Amino acid sequence: MNKPLFLAGLLLSVTVHAQALRDPMRPPLPASVMRSAPRDTIPVLSAVFSSARSRAAIVNGRLVHAGDTLGPFTIEAVLETGIRYQFAGDSFQLQLPKLDTTFKKPTTEPIPAVAGVP
């Protein structure tokens, strides 16, 4: 009588352990499943677009305008270089990083050739 009970317990422990293993060839889980709570608290601003009539921004990969909601965020305004948004009753501002657009002037002197270099 103990032998069938032992075999059932052994079989159950093997199946429980097998479910914990992950197939390395299986594609990764979708981003919606892998999202964690800390990531939800800071939106990701990728770009700001301006036209004569309106401004728009790319936030978390989506095109948004002032007044749009994006999950827990409400876009209050699209600014010239960022956004102002509301999260959990507080207002925050997010700016794009300022890029250095200065370029060095190329040299006008010829580069001397080095003999013996293949």
PDB file of N, CA and C in Angstrom:
ATOM      1  N   MET A   1       0.822  -1.187   0.000  1.00  0.00           N
ATOM      2  CA  MET A   1       0.000   0.000   0.000  1.00  0.00           C
ATOM      3  C   MET A   1       0.871   1.258   0.000  1.00  0.00           C
ATOM      4  N   ASN A   2       2.024   1.223   0.602  1.00  0.00           N
ATOM      5  CA  ASN A   2       2.914   2.365   0.606  1.00  0.00           C
ATOM      6  C   ASN A   2       3.583   2.569  -0.751  1.00  0.00           C
ATOM      7  N   LYS A   3       3.756   1.482  -1.489  1.00  0.00           N
ATOM      8  CA  LYS A   3       4.432   1.584  -2.789  1.00  0.00           C
ATOM      9  C   LYS A   3       3.636   2.433  -3.789  1.00  0.00           C
ATOM     10  N   PRO A   4       2.305   2.234  -3.956  1.00  0.00           N
ATOM     11  CA  PRO A   4       1.570   3.102  -4.887  1.00  0.00           C
ATOM     12  C   PRO A   4       1.560   4.565  -4.440  1.00  0.00           C
ATOM     13  N   LEU A   5       1.492   4.793  -3.159  1.00  0.00           N
ATOM     14  CA  LEU A   5       1.506   6.162  -2.655  1.00  0.00           C
ATOM     15  C   LEU A   5       2.859   6.819  -2.932  1.00  0.00           C
ATOM     16  N   PHE A   6       3.929   6.061  -2.736  1.00  0.00           N
ATOM     17  CA  PHE A   6       5.275   6.561  -3.016  1.00  0.00           C
ATOM     18  C   PHE A   6       5.433   6.887  -4.510  1.00  0.00           C
ATOM     19  N   LEU A   7       4.954   6.007  -5.396  1.00  0.00           N
ATOM     20  CA  LEU A   7       5.050   6.230  -6.839  1.00  0.00           C
ATOM     21  C   LEU A   7       4.228   7.443  -7.270  1.00  0.00           C
ATOM     22  N   ALA A   8       3.066   7.622  -6.681  1.00  0.00           N
ATOM     23  CA  ALA A   8       2.238   8.789  -7.015  1.00  0.00           C
ATOM     24  C   ALA A   8       2.929  10.074  -6.589  1.00  0.00           C
ATOM     25  N   GLY A   9       3.537  10.064  -5.403  1.00  0.00           N
ATOM     26  CA  GLY A   9       4.278  11.244  -4.941  1.00  0.00           C
ATOM     27  C   GLY A   9       5.478  11.531  -5.809  1.00  0.00           C
ATOM     28  N   LEU A  10       6.185  10.499  -6.221  1.00  0.00           N
ATOM     29  CA  LEU A  10       7.343  10.658  -7.097  1.00  0.00           C
ATOM     30  C   LEU A  10       6.922  11.216  -8.447  1.00  0.00           C
ATOM     31  N   LEU A  11       5.842  10.692  -9.009  1.00  0.00           N
ATOM     32  CA  LEU A  11       5.344  11.175 -10.297  1.00  0.00           C
ATOM     33  C   LEU A  11       4.900  12.624 -10.198  1.00  0.00           C
ATOM     34  N   LEU A  12       4.247  13.004  -9.126  1.00  0.00           N
ATOM     35  CA  LEU A  12       3.791  14.379  -8.926  1.00  0.00           C
ATOM     36  C   LEU A  12       4.983  15.334  -8.793  1.00  0.00           C
ATOM     37  N   SER A  13       6.011  14.923  -8.066  1.00  0.00           N
ATOM     38  CA  SER A  13       7.177  15.798  -7.898  1.00  0.00           C
ATOM     39  C   SER A  13       7.926  15.982  -9.214  1.00  0.00           C
ATOM     40  N   VAL A  14       7.961  14.969 -10.057  1.00  0.00           N
ATOM     41  CA  VAL A  14       8.636  15.088 -11.353  1.00  0.00           C
ATOM     42  C   VAL A  14       7.874  16.042 -12.259  1.00  0.00           C
ATOM     43  N   THR A  15       6.547  15.969 -12.285  1.00  0.00           N
ATOM     44  CA  THR A  15       5.778  16.861 -13.145  1.00  0.00           C
ATOM     45  C   THR A  15       5.833  18.302 -12.656  1.00  0.00           C
ATOM     46  N   VAL A  16       5.850  18.522 -11.346  1.00  0.00           N
ATOM     47  CA  VAL A  16       5.965  19.874 -10.810  1.00  0.00           C
ATOM     48  C   VAL A  16       7.320  20.456 -11.175  1.00  0.00           C
ATOM     49  N   HIS A  17       8.378  19.658 -11.053  1.00  0.00           N
ATOM     50  CA  HIS A  17       9.719  20.127 -11.397  1.00  0.00           C
ATOM     51  C   HIS A  17       9.833  20.399 -12.899  1.00  0.00           C
ATOM     52  N   ALA A  18       9.193  19.598 -13.730  1.00  0.00           N
ATOM     53  CA  ALA A  18       9.270  19.785 -15.179  1.00  0.00           C
ATOM     54  C   ALA A  18       8.585  21.078 -15.602  1.00  0.00           C
ATOM     55  N   GLN A  19       7.553  21.505 -14.900  1.00  0.00           N
ATOM     56  CA  GLN A  19       6.880  22.739 -15.260  1.00  0.00           C
ATOM     57  C   GLN A  19       7.740  23.957 -14.960  1.00  0.00           C
ATOM     58  N   ALA A  20       8.667  23.869 -14.020  1.00  0.00           N
ATOM     59  CA  ALA A  20       9.517  24.996 -13.660  1.00  0.00           C
ATOM     60  C   ALA A  20      10.610  25.221 -14.695  1.00  0.00           C
ATOM     61  N   LEU A  21      10.952  24.203 -15.480  1.00  0.00           N
ATOM     62  CA  LEU A  21      11.983  24.361 -16.499  1.00  0.00           C
ATOM     63  C   LEU A  21      11.438  25.145 -17.681  1.00  0.00           C
ATOM     64  N   ARG A  22      12.288  25.964 -18.289  1.00  0.00           N
ATOM     65  CA  ARG A  22      11.882  26.777 -19.445  1.00  0.00           C
ATOM     66  C   ARG A  22      12.632  26.301 -20.665  1.00  0.00           C
ATOM     67  N   ASP A  23      11.923  26.112 -21.746  1.00  0.00           N
ATOM     68  CA  ASP A  23      12.520  25.688 -23.006  1.00  0.00           C
ATOM     69  C   ASP A  23      13.381  26.822 -23.556  1.00  0.00           C
ATOM     70  N   PRO A  24      14.689  26.631 -23.769  1.00  0.00           N
ATOM     71  CA  PRO A  24      15.542  27.713 -24.263  1.00  0.00           C
ATOM     72  C   PRO A  24      15.238  28.105 -25.712  1.00  0.00           C
ATOM     73  N   MET A  25      14.545  27.271 -26.438  1.00  0.00           N
ATOM     74  CA  MET A  25      14.215  27.582 -27.833  1.00  0.00           C
ATOM     75  C   MET A  25      12.885  28.320 -27.968  1.00  0.00           C
ATOM     76  N   ARG A  26      12.150  28.446 -26.864  1.00  0.00           N
ATOM     77  CA  ARG A  26      10.869  29.144 -26.898  1.00  0.00           C
ATOM     78  C   ARG A  26      11.107  30.641 -27.024  1.00  0.00           C
ATOM     79  N   PRO A  27      10.346  31.353 -27.870  1.00  0.00           N
ATOM     80  CA  PRO A  27      10.511  32.805 -27.994  1.00  0.00           C
ATOM     81  C   PRO A  27      10.246  33.495 -26.661  1.00  0.00           C
ATOM     82  N   PRO A  28      10.811  34.699 -26.458  1.00  0.00           N
ATOM     83  CA  PRO A  28      10.585  35.411 -25.195  1.00  0.00           C
ATOM     84  C   PRO A  28       9.122  35.772 -25.013  1.00  0.00           C
ATOM     85  N   LEU A  29       8.757  36.012 -23.765  1.00  0.00           N
ATOM     86  CA  LEU A  29       7.384  36.393 -23.451  1.00  0.00           C
ATOM     87  C   LEU A  29       7.063  37.766 -24.019  1.00  0.00           C
ATOM     88  N   PRO A  30       5.810  38.058 -24.348  1.00  0.00           N
ATOM     89  CA  PRO A  30       5.441  39.382 -24.844  1.00  0.00           C
ATOM     90  C   PRO A  30       5.760  40.461 -23.813  1.00  0.00           C
ATOM     91  N   ALA A  31       5.988  41.669 -24.285  1.00  0.00           N
ATOM     92  CA  ALA A  31       6.346  42.782 -23.406  1.00  0.00           C
ATOM     93  C   ALA A  31       5.247  43.064 -22.384  1.00  0.00           C
ATOM     94  N   SER A  32       3.994  42.833 -22.750  1.00  0.00           N
ATOM     95  CA  SER A  32       2.900  43.106 -21.808  1.00  0.00           C
ATOM     96  C   SER A  32       2.956  42.172 -20.605  1.00  0.00           C
ATOM     97  N   VAL A  33       3.467  40.972 -20.786  1.00  0.00           N
ATOM     98  CA  VAL A  33       3.580  40.030 -19.680  1.00  0.00           C
ATOM     99  C   VAL A  33       4.800  40.356 -18.827  1.00  0.00           C
ATOM    100  N   MET A  34       5.884  40.828 -19.466  1.00  0.00           N
ATOM    101  CA  MET A  34       7.134  41.080 -18.766  1.00  0.00           C
ATOM    102  C   MET A  34       7.177  42.444 -18.084  1.00  0.00           C
ATOM    103  N   ARG A  35       6.201  43.308 -18.311  1.00  0.00           N
ATOM    104  CA  ARG A  35       6.218  44.653 -17.749  1.00  0.00           C
ATOM    105  C   ARG A  35       6.154  44.590 -16.233  1.00  0.00           C
ATOM    106  N   SER A  36       6.957  45.382 -15.592  1.00  0.00           N
ATOM    107  CA  SER A  36       6.961  45.418 -14.136  1.00  0.00           C
ATOM    108  C   SER A  36       6.438  46.763 -13.658  1.00  0.00           C
ATOM    109  N   ALA A  37       6.086  46.847 -12.410  1.00  0.00           N
ATOM    110  CA  ALA A  37       5.493  48.066 -11.859  1.00  0.00           C
ATOM    111  C   ALA A  37       6.425  49.271 -11.916  1.00  0.00           C
ATOM    112  N   PRO A  38       7.727  49.167 -11.591  1.00  0.00           N
ATOM    113  CA  PRO A  38       8.561  50.373 -11.631  1.00  0.00           C
ATOM    114  C   PRO A  38       8.628  51.014 -13.009  1.00  0.00           C
ATOM    115  N   ARG A  39       8.560  50.230 -14.065  1.00  0.00           N
ATOM    116  CA  ARG A  39       8.638  50.793 -15.405  1.00  0.00           C
ATOM    117  C   ARG A  39       7.402  51.646 -15.721  1.00  0.00           C
ATOM    118  N   ASP A  40       6.266  51.329 -15.110  1.00  0.00           N
ATOM    119  CA  ASP A  40       5.045  52.080 -15.361  1.00  0.00           C
ATOM    120  C   ASP A  40       5.101  53.496 -14.791  1.00  0.00           C
ATOM    121  N   THR A  41       5.983  53.763 -13.868  1.00  0.00           N
ATOM    122  CA  THR A  41       5.991  55.058 -13.211  1.00  0.00           C
ATOM    123  C   THR A  41       6.749  56.127 -13.975  1.00  0.00           C
ATOM    124  N   ILE A  42       7.520  55.774 -15.005  1.00  0.00           N
ATOM    125  CA  ILE A  42       8.254  56.762 -15.795  1.00  0.00           C
ATOM    126  C   ILE A  42       8.002  56.484 -17.278  1.00  0.00           C
ATOM    127  N   PRO A  43       7.347  57.404 -17.990  1.00  0.00           N
ATOM    128  CA  PRO A  43       7.148  57.189 -19.422  1.00  0.00           C
ATOM    129  C   PRO A  43       8.458  57.408 -20.180  1.00  0.00           C
ATOM    130  N   VAL A  44       8.534  56.848 -21.368  1.00  0.00           N
ATOM    131  CA  VAL A  44       9.720  56.995 -22.207  1.00  0.00           C
ATOM    132  C   VAL A  44       9.361  57.927 -23.359  1.00  0.00           C
ATOM    133  N   LEU A  45      10.021  59.090 -23.395  1.00  0.00           N
ATOM    134  CA  LEU A  45       9.796  60.087 -24.444  1.00  0.00           C
ATOM    135  C   LEU A  45      10.841  59.877 -25.526  1.00  0.00           C
ATOM    136  N   SER A  46      10.397  59.632 -26.758  1.00  0.00           N
ATOM    137  CA  SER A  46      11.324  59.371 -27.858  1.00  0.00           C
ATOM    138  C   SER A  46      11.480  60.545 -28.804  1.00  0.00           C
ATOM    139  N   ALA A  47      10.403  61.304 -29.045  1.00  0.00           N
ATOM    140  CA  ALA A  47      10.473  62.397 -30.022  1.00  0.00           C
ATOM    141  C   ALA A  47       9.344  63.390 -29.784  1.00  0.00           C
ATOM    142  N   VAL A  48       9.552  64.609 -30.288  1.00  0.00           N
ATOM    143  CA  VAL A  48       8.522  65.650 -30.269  1.00  0.00           C
ATOM    144  C   VAL A  48       8.425  66.207 -31.684  1.00  0.00           C
ATOM    145  N   PHE A  49       7.191  66.321 -32.190  1.00  0.00           N
ATOM    146  CA  PHE A  49       6.945  66.854 -33.525  1.00  0.00           C
ATOM    147  C   PHE A  49       6.148  68.137 -33.407  1.00  0.00           C
ATOM    148  N   SER A  50       6.561  69.147 -34.158  1.00  0.00           N
ATOM    149  CA  SER A  50       5.850  70.432 -34.146  1.00  0.00           C
ATOM    150  C   SER A  50       5.436  70.795 -35.554  1.00  0.00           C
ATOM    151  N   SER A  51       4.220  71.322 -35.670  1.00  0.00           N
ATOM    152  CA  SER A  51       3.753  71.883 -36.934  1.00  0.00           C
ATOM    153  C   SER A  51       3.177  73.260 -36.627  1.00  0.00           C
ATOM    154  N   ALA A  52       2.683  73.929 -37.630  1.00  0.00           N
ATOM    155  CA  ALA A  52       2.118  75.264 -37.422  1.00  0.00           C
ATOM    156  C   ALA A  52       0.874  75.208 -36.532  1.00  0.00           C
ATOM    157  N   ARG A  53       0.131  74.090 -36.566  1.00  0.00           N
ATOM    158  CA  ARG A  53      -1.121  73.986 -35.823  1.00  0.00           C
ATOM    159  C   ARG A  53      -1.017  73.252 -34.484  1.00  0.00           C
ATOM    160  N   SER A  54      -0.161  72.257 -34.398  1.00  0.00           N
ATOM    161  CA  SER A  54      -0.155  71.457 -33.168  1.00  0.00           C
ATOM    162  C   SER A  54       1.208  70.798 -32.943  1.00  0.00           C
ATOM    163  N   ARG A  55       1.316  70.190 -31.771  1.00  0.00           N
ATOM    164  CA  ARG A  55       2.503  69.413 -31.427  1.00  0.00           C
ATOM    165  C   ARG A  55       2.056  68.014 -31.032  1.00  0.00           C
ATOM    166  N   ALA A  56       2.943  67.061 -31.284  1.00  0.00           N
ATOM    167  CA  ALA A  56       2.699  65.677 -30.898  1.00  0.00           C
ATOM    168  C   ALA A  56       4.012  65.096 -30.392  1.00  0.00           C
ATOM    169  N   ALA A  57       3.925  63.991 -29.673  1.00  0.00           N
ATOM    170  CA  ALA A  57       5.119  63.349 -29.141  1.00  0.00           C
ATOM    171  C   ALA A  57       4.971  61.836 -29.250  1.00  0.00           C
ATOM    172  N   ILE A  58       6.108  61.174 -29.274  1.00  0.00           N
ATOM    173  CA  ILE A  58       6.128  59.718 -29.208  1.00  0.00           C
ATOM    174  C   ILE A  58       6.477  59.355 -27.769  1.00  0.00           C
ATOM    175  N   VAL A  59       5.520  58.759 -27.059  1.00  0.00           N
ATOM    176  CA  VAL A  59       5.704  58.358 -25.668  1.00  0.00           C
ATOM    177  C   VAL A  59       5.384  56.870 -25.572  1.00  0.00           C
ATOM    178  N   ASN A  60       6.314  56.111 -25.026  1.00  0.00           N
ATOM    179  CA  ASN A  60       6.168  54.658 -24.915  1.00  0.00           C
ATOM    180  C   ASN A  60       5.813  54.025 -26.262  1.00  0.00           C
ATOM    181  N   GLY A  61       6.376  54.588 -27.328  1.00  0.00           N
ATOM    182  CA  GLY A  61       6.166  54.025 -28.661  1.00  0.00           C
ATOM    183  C   GLY A  61       4.858  54.414 -29.323  1.00  0.00           C
ATOM    184  N   ARG A  62       4.067  55.302 -28.711  1.00  0.00           N
ATOM    185  CA  ARG A  62       2.784  55.723 -29.291  1.00  0.00           C
ATOM    186  C   ARG A  62       2.768  57.216 -29.534  1.00  0.00           C
ATOM    187  N   LEU A  63       2.073  57.633 -30.579  1.00  0.00           N
ATOM    188  CA  LEU A  63       1.899  59.047 -30.896  1.00  0.00           C
ATOM    189  C   LEU A  63       0.819  59.621 -29.985  1.00  0.00           C
ATOM    190  N   VAL A  64       1.156  60.685 -29.244  1.00  0.00           N
ATOM    191  CA  VAL A  64       0.201  61.286 -28.316  1.00  0.00           C
ATOM    192  C   VAL A  64       0.129  62.788 -28.523  1.00  0.00           C
ATOM    193  N   HIS A  65      -1.007  63.369 -28.152  1.00  0.00           N
ATOM    194  CA  HIS A  65      -1.240  64.810 -28.184  1.00  0.00           C
ATOM    195  C   HIS A  65      -1.659  65.240 -26.784  1.00  0.00           C
ATOM    196  N   ALA A  66      -1.728  66.535 -26.550  1.00  0.00           N
ATOM    197  CA  ALA A  66      -2.187  67.046 -25.260  1.00  0.00           C
ATOM    198  C   ALA A  66      -3.605  66.548 -24.998  1.00  0.00           C
ATOM    199  N   GLY A  67      -3.841  66.062 -23.793  1.00  0.00           N
ATOM    200  CA  GLY A  67      -5.153  65.546 -23.409  1.00  0.00           C
ATOM    201  C   GLY A  67      -5.289  64.039 -23.552  1.00  0.00           C
ATOM    202  N   ASP A  68      -4.361  63.380 -24.227  1.00  0.00           N
ATOM    203  CA  ASP A  68      -4.432  61.922 -24.388  1.00  0.00           C
ATOM    204  C   ASP A  68      -4.037  61.228 -23.092  1.00  0.00           C
ATOM    205  N   THR A  69      -4.586  60.028 -22.900  1.00  0.00           N
ATOM    206  CA  THR A  69      -4.166  59.194 -21.779  1.00  0.00           C
ATOM    207  C   THR A  69      -3.425  57.996 -22.340  1.00  0.00           C
ATOM    208  N   LEU A  70      -2.392  57.630 -21.630  1.00  0.00           N
ATOM    209  CA  LEU A  70      -1.559  56.513 -22.045  1.00  0.00           C
ATOM    210  C   LEU A  70      -1.311  55.650 -20.821  1.00  0.00           C
ATOM    211  N   GLY A  71      -2.165  54.657 -20.615  1.00  0.00           N
ATOM    212  CA  GLY A  71      -2.085  53.853 -19.400  1.00  0.00           C
ATOM    213  C   GLY A  71      -2.377  54.728 -18.195  1.00  0.00           C
ATOM    214  N   PRO A  72      -1.465  54.766 -17.221  1.00  0.00           N
ATOM    215  CA  PRO A  72      -1.707  55.579 -16.024  1.00  0.00           C
ATOM    216  C   PRO A  72      -1.329  57.053 -16.203  1.00  0.00           C
ATOM    217  N   PHE A  73      -0.845  57.441 -17.381  1.00  0.00           N
ATOM    218  CA  PHE A  73      -0.381  58.808 -17.619  1.00  0.00           C
ATOM    219  C   PHE A  73      -1.415  59.605 -18.401  1.00  0.00           C
ATOM    220  N   THR A  74      -1.562  60.881 -18.046  1.00  0.00           N
ATOM    221  CA  THR A  74      -2.381  61.814 -18.820  1.00  0.00           C
ATOM    222  C   THR A  74      -1.449  62.896 -19.324  1.00  0.00           C
ATOM    223  N   ILE A  75      -1.380  63.057 -20.640  1.00  0.00           N
ATOM    224  CA  ILE A  75      -0.508  64.060 -21.247  1.00  0.00           C
ATOM    225  C   ILE A  75      -1.200  65.407 -21.116  1.00  0.00           C
ATOM    226  N   GLU A  76      -0.638  66.284 -20.300  1.00  0.00           N
ATOM    227  CA  GLU A  76      -1.218  67.612 -20.096  1.00  0.00           C
ATOM    228  C   GLU A  76      -0.859  68.545 -21.243  1.00  0.00           C
ATOM    229  N   ALA A  77       0.404  68.509 -21.677  1.00  0.00           N
ATOM    230  CA  ALA A  77       0.854  69.394 -22.751  1.00  0.00           C
ATOM    231  C   ALA A  77       2.058  68.782 -23.440  1.00  0.00           C
ATOM    232  N   VAL A  78       2.140  69.037 -24.746  1.00  0.00           N
ATOM    233  CA  VAL A  78       3.337  68.684 -25.493  1.00  0.00           C
ATOM    234  C   VAL A  78       4.117  69.980 -25.667  1.00  0.00           C
ATOM    235  N   LEU A  79       5.300  70.031 -25.082  1.00  0.00           N
ATOM    236  CA  LEU A  79       6.127  71.223 -25.106  1.00  0.00           C
ATOM    237  C   LEU A  79       7.060  71.198 -26.305  1.00  0.00           C
ATOM    238  N   GLU A  80       7.836  72.244 -26.471  1.00  0.00           N
ATOM    239  CA  GLU A  80       8.746  72.338 -27.612  1.00  0.00           C
ATOM    240  C   GLU A  80       9.795  71.221 -27.597  1.00  0.00           C
ATOM    241  N   THR A  81      10.283  70.874 -26.407  1.00  0.00           N
ATOM    242  CA  THR A  81      11.313  69.837 -26.315  1.00  0.00           C
ATOM    243  C   THR A  81      10.955  68.751 -25.310  1.00  0.00           C
ATOM    244  N   GLY A  82       9.685  68.584 -24.992  1.00  0.00           N
ATOM    245  CA  GLY A  82       9.299  67.562 -24.028  1.00  0.00           C
ATOM    246  C   GLY A  82       7.805  67.498 -23.830  1.00  0.00           C
ATOM    247  N   ILE A  83       7.410  66.904 -22.726  1.00  0.00           N
ATOM    248  CA  ILE A  83       5.987  66.786 -22.382  1.00  0.00           C
ATOM    249  C   ILE A  83       5.797  67.114 -20.902  1.00  0.00           C
ATOM    250  N   ARG A  84       4.576  67.498 -20.566  1.00  0.00           N
ATOM    251  CA  ARG A  84       4.155  67.625 -19.182  1.00  0.00           C
ATOM    252  C   ARG A  84       3.011  66.627 -19.025  1.00  0.00           C
ATOM    253  N   TYR A  85       3.143  65.739 -18.020  1.00  0.00           N
ATOM    254  CA  TYR A  85       2.143  64.690 -17.850  1.00  0.00           C
ATOM    255  C   TYR A  85       1.734  64.588 -16.391  1.00  0.00           C
ATOM    256  N   GLN A  86       0.608  63.931 -16.174  1.00  0.00           N
ATOM    257  CA  GLN A  86       0.085  63.738 -14.832  1.00  0.00           C
ATOM    258  C   GLN A  86       0.068  62.249 -14.525  1.00  0.00           C
ATOM    259  N   PHE A  87       0.540  61.913 -13.319  1.00  0.00           N
ATOM    260  CA  PHE A  87       0.556  60.523 -12.872  1.00  0.00           C
ATOM    261  C   PHE A  87       0.207  60.506 -11.392  1.00  0.00           C
ATOM    262  N   ALA A  88      -0.794  59.757 -11.026  1.00  0.00           N
ATOM    263  CA  ALA A  88      -1.224  59.602  -9.627  1.00  0.00           C
ATOM    264  C   ALA A  88      -1.490  60.952  -8.960  1.00  0.00           C
ATOM    265  N   GLY A  89      -2.092  61.888  -9.698  1.00  0.00           N
ATOM    266  CA  GLY A  89      -2.462  63.177  -9.131  1.00  0.00           C
ATOM    267  C   GLY A  89      -1.360  64.219  -9.112  1.00  0.00           C
ATOM    268  N   ASP A  90      -0.140  63.851  -9.488  1.00  0.00           N
ATOM    269  CA  ASP A  90       0.981  64.794  -9.519  1.00  0.00           C
ATOM    270  C   ASP A  90       1.359  65.105 -10.960  1.00  0.00           C
ATOM    271  N   SER A  91       1.886  66.309 -11.182  1.00  0.00           N
ATOM    272  CA  SER A  91       2.300  66.736 -12.509  1.00  0.00           C
ATOM    273  C   SER A  91       3.818  66.639 -12.622  1.00  0.00           C
ATOM    274  N   PHE A  92       4.293  66.095 -13.743  1.00  0.00           N
ATOM    275  CA  PHE A  92       5.715  65.922 -14.005  1.00  0.00           C
ATOM    276  C   PHE A  92       6.045  66.469 -15.387  1.00  0.00           C
ATOM    277  N   GLN A  93       7.316  66.785 -15.588  1.00  0.00           N
ATOM    278  CA  GLN A  93       7.773  67.258 -16.895  1.00  0.00           C
ATOM    279  C   GLN A  93       8.937  66.385 -17.342  1.00  0.00           C
ATOM    280  N   LEU A  94       8.937  66.023 -18.611  1.00  0.00           N
ATOM    281  CA  LEU A  94       9.969  65.167 -19.172  1.00  0.00           C
ATOM    282  C   LEU A  94      10.528  65.853 -20.410  1.00  0.00           C
ATOM    283  N   GLN A  95      11.840  66.006 -20.475  1.00  0.00           N
ATOM    284  CA  GLN A  95      12.491  66.698 -21.594  1.00  0.00           C
ATOM    285  C   GLN A  95      13.342  65.723 -22.404  1.00  0.00           C
ATOM    286  N   LEU A  96      13.432  65.985 -23.698  1.00  0.00           N
ATOM    287  CA  LEU A  96      14.376  65.245 -24.525  1.00  0.00           C
ATOM    288  C   LEU A  96      15.786  65.702 -24.171  1.00  0.00           C
ATOM    289  N   PRO A  97      16.772  64.833 -24.266  1.00  0.00           N
ATOM    290  CA  PRO A  97      18.140  65.275 -23.989  1.00  0.00           C
ATOM    291  C   PRO A  97      18.599  66.249 -25.072  1.00  0.00           C
ATOM    292  N   LYS A  98      19.368  67.242 -24.655  1.00  0.00           N
ATOM    293  CA  LYS A  98      19.879  68.217 -25.611  1.00  0.00           C
ATOM    294  C   LYS A  98      21.070  67.606 -26.332  1.00  0.00           C
ATOM    295  N   LEU A  99      20.988  67.592 -27.644  1.00  0.00           N
ATOM    296  CA  LEU A  99      22.046  66.999 -28.449  1.00  0.00           C
ATOM    297  C   LEU A  99      23.027  68.068 -28.888  1.00  0.00           C
ATOM    298  N   ASP A 100      24.293  67.726 -28.924  1.00  0.00           N
ATOM    299  CA  ASP A 100      25.321  68.639 -29.395  1.00  0.00           C
ATOM    300  C   ASP A 100      25.348  68.559 -30.920  1.00  0.00           C
ATOM    301  N   THR A 101      24.943  69.640 -31.576  1.00  0.00           N
ATOM    302  CA  THR A 101      24.879  69.635 -33.040  1.00  0.00           C
ATOM    303  C   THR A 101      26.023  70.406 -33.671  1.00  0.00           C
ATOM    304  N   THR A 102      27.079  70.650 -32.919  1.00  0.00           N
ATOM    305  CA  THR A 102      28.229  71.342 -33.498  1.00  0.00           C
ATOM    306  C   THR A 102      29.142  70.316 -34.147  1.00  0.00           C
ATOM    307  N   PHE A 103      29.668  70.702 -35.287  1.00  0.00           N
ATOM    308  CA  PHE A 103      30.551  69.823 -36.036  1.00  0.00           C
ATOM    309  C   PHE A 103      31.880  70.524 -36.258  1.00  0.00           C
ATOM    310  N   LYS A 104      32.940  69.750 -36.258  1.00  0.00           N
ATOM    311  CA  LYS A 104      34.244  70.314 -36.552  1.00  0.00           C
ATOM    312  C   LYS A 104      34.370  70.498 -38.054  1.00  0.00           C
ATOM    313  N   LYS A 105      34.997  71.598 -38.416  1.00  0.00           N
ATOM    314  CA  LYS A 105      35.234  71.873 -39.820  1.00  0.00           C
ATOM    315  C   LYS A 105      36.330  70.930 -40.310  1.00  0.00           C
ATOM    316  N   PRO A 106      36.118  70.273 -41.451  1.00  0.00           N
ATOM    317  CA  PRO A 106      37.148  69.363 -41.950  1.00  0.00           C
ATOM    318  C   PRO A 106      38.413  70.134 -42.331  1.00  0.00           C
ATOM    319  N   THR A 107      39.514  69.482 -42.192  1.00  0.00           N
ATOM    320  CA  THR A 107      40.783  70.109 -42.539  1.00  0.00           C
ATOM    321  C   THR A 107      40.886  70.301 -44.045  1.00  0.00           C
ATOM    322  N   THR A 108      41.529  71.368 -44.446  1.00  0.00           N
ATOM    323  CA  THR A 108      41.709  71.624 -45.881  1.00  0.00           C
ATOM    324  C   THR A 108      43.096  71.207 -46.337  1.00  0.00           C
ATOM    325  N   GLU A 109      43.935  70.821 -45.368  1.00  0.00           N
ATOM    326  CA  GLU A 109      45.284  70.394 -45.729  1.00  0.00           C
ATOM    327  C   GLU A 109      45.240  68.945 -46.185  1.00  0.00           C
ATOM    328  N   PRO A 110      46.029  68.613 -47.206  1.00  0.00           N
ATOM    329  CA  PRO A 110      46.052  67.222 -47.663  1.00  0.00           C
ATOM    330  C   PRO A 110      46.720  66.336 -46.616  1.00  0.00           C
ATOM    331  N   ILE A 111      46.243  65.119 -46.527  1.00  0.00           N
ATOM    332  CA  ILE A 111      46.835  64.156 -45.597  1.00  0.00           C
ATOM    333  C   ILE A 111      48.017  63.503 -46.303  1.00  0.00           C
ATOM    334  N   PRO A 112      49.205  63.561 -45.704  1.00  0.00           N
ATOM    335  CA  PRO A 112      50.372  62.983 -46.363  1.00  0.00           C
ATOM    336  C   PRO A 112      50.279  61.463 -46.409  1.00  0.00           C
ATOM    337  N   ALA A 113      50.718  60.904 -47.533  1.00  0.00           N
ATOM    338  CA  ALA A 113      50.730  59.461 -47.687  1.00  0.00           C
ATOM    339  C   ALA A 113      51.967  58.903 -47.003  1.00  0.00           C
ATOM    340  N   VAL A 114      51.816  57.774 -46.349  1.00  0.00           N
ATOM    341  CA  VAL A 114      52.933  57.134 -45.655  1.00  0.00           C
ATOM    342  C   VAL A 114      53.441  56.019 -46.531  1.00  0.00           C
ATOM    343  N   ALA A 115      54.738  56.060 -46.828  1.00  0.00           N
ATOM    344  CA  ALA A 115      55.334  55.030 -47.683  1.00  0.00           C
ATOM    345  C   ALA A 115      55.436  53.720 -46.913  1.00  0.00           C
ATOM    346  N   GLY A 116      55.241  52.625 -47.629  1.00  0.00           N
ATOM    347  CA  GLY A 116      55.411  51.318 -47.039  1.00  0.00           C
ATOM    348  C   GLY A 116      54.186  50.772 -46.359  1.00  0.00           C
ATOM    349  N   VAL A 117      53.077  51.492 -46.336  1.00  0.00           N
ATOM    350  CA  VAL A 117      51.840  50.990 -45.741  1.00  0.00           C
ATOM    351  C   VAL A 117      51.016  50.354 -46.830  1.00  0.00           C
ATOM    352  N   PRO A 118      50.644  49.088 -46.650  1.00  0.00           N
ATOM    353  CA  PRO A 118      49.863  48.422 -47.719  1.00  0.00           C
ATOM    354  C   PRO A 118      48.482  48.978 -47.870  1.00  0.00           C
TER     355      PRO A 118
END
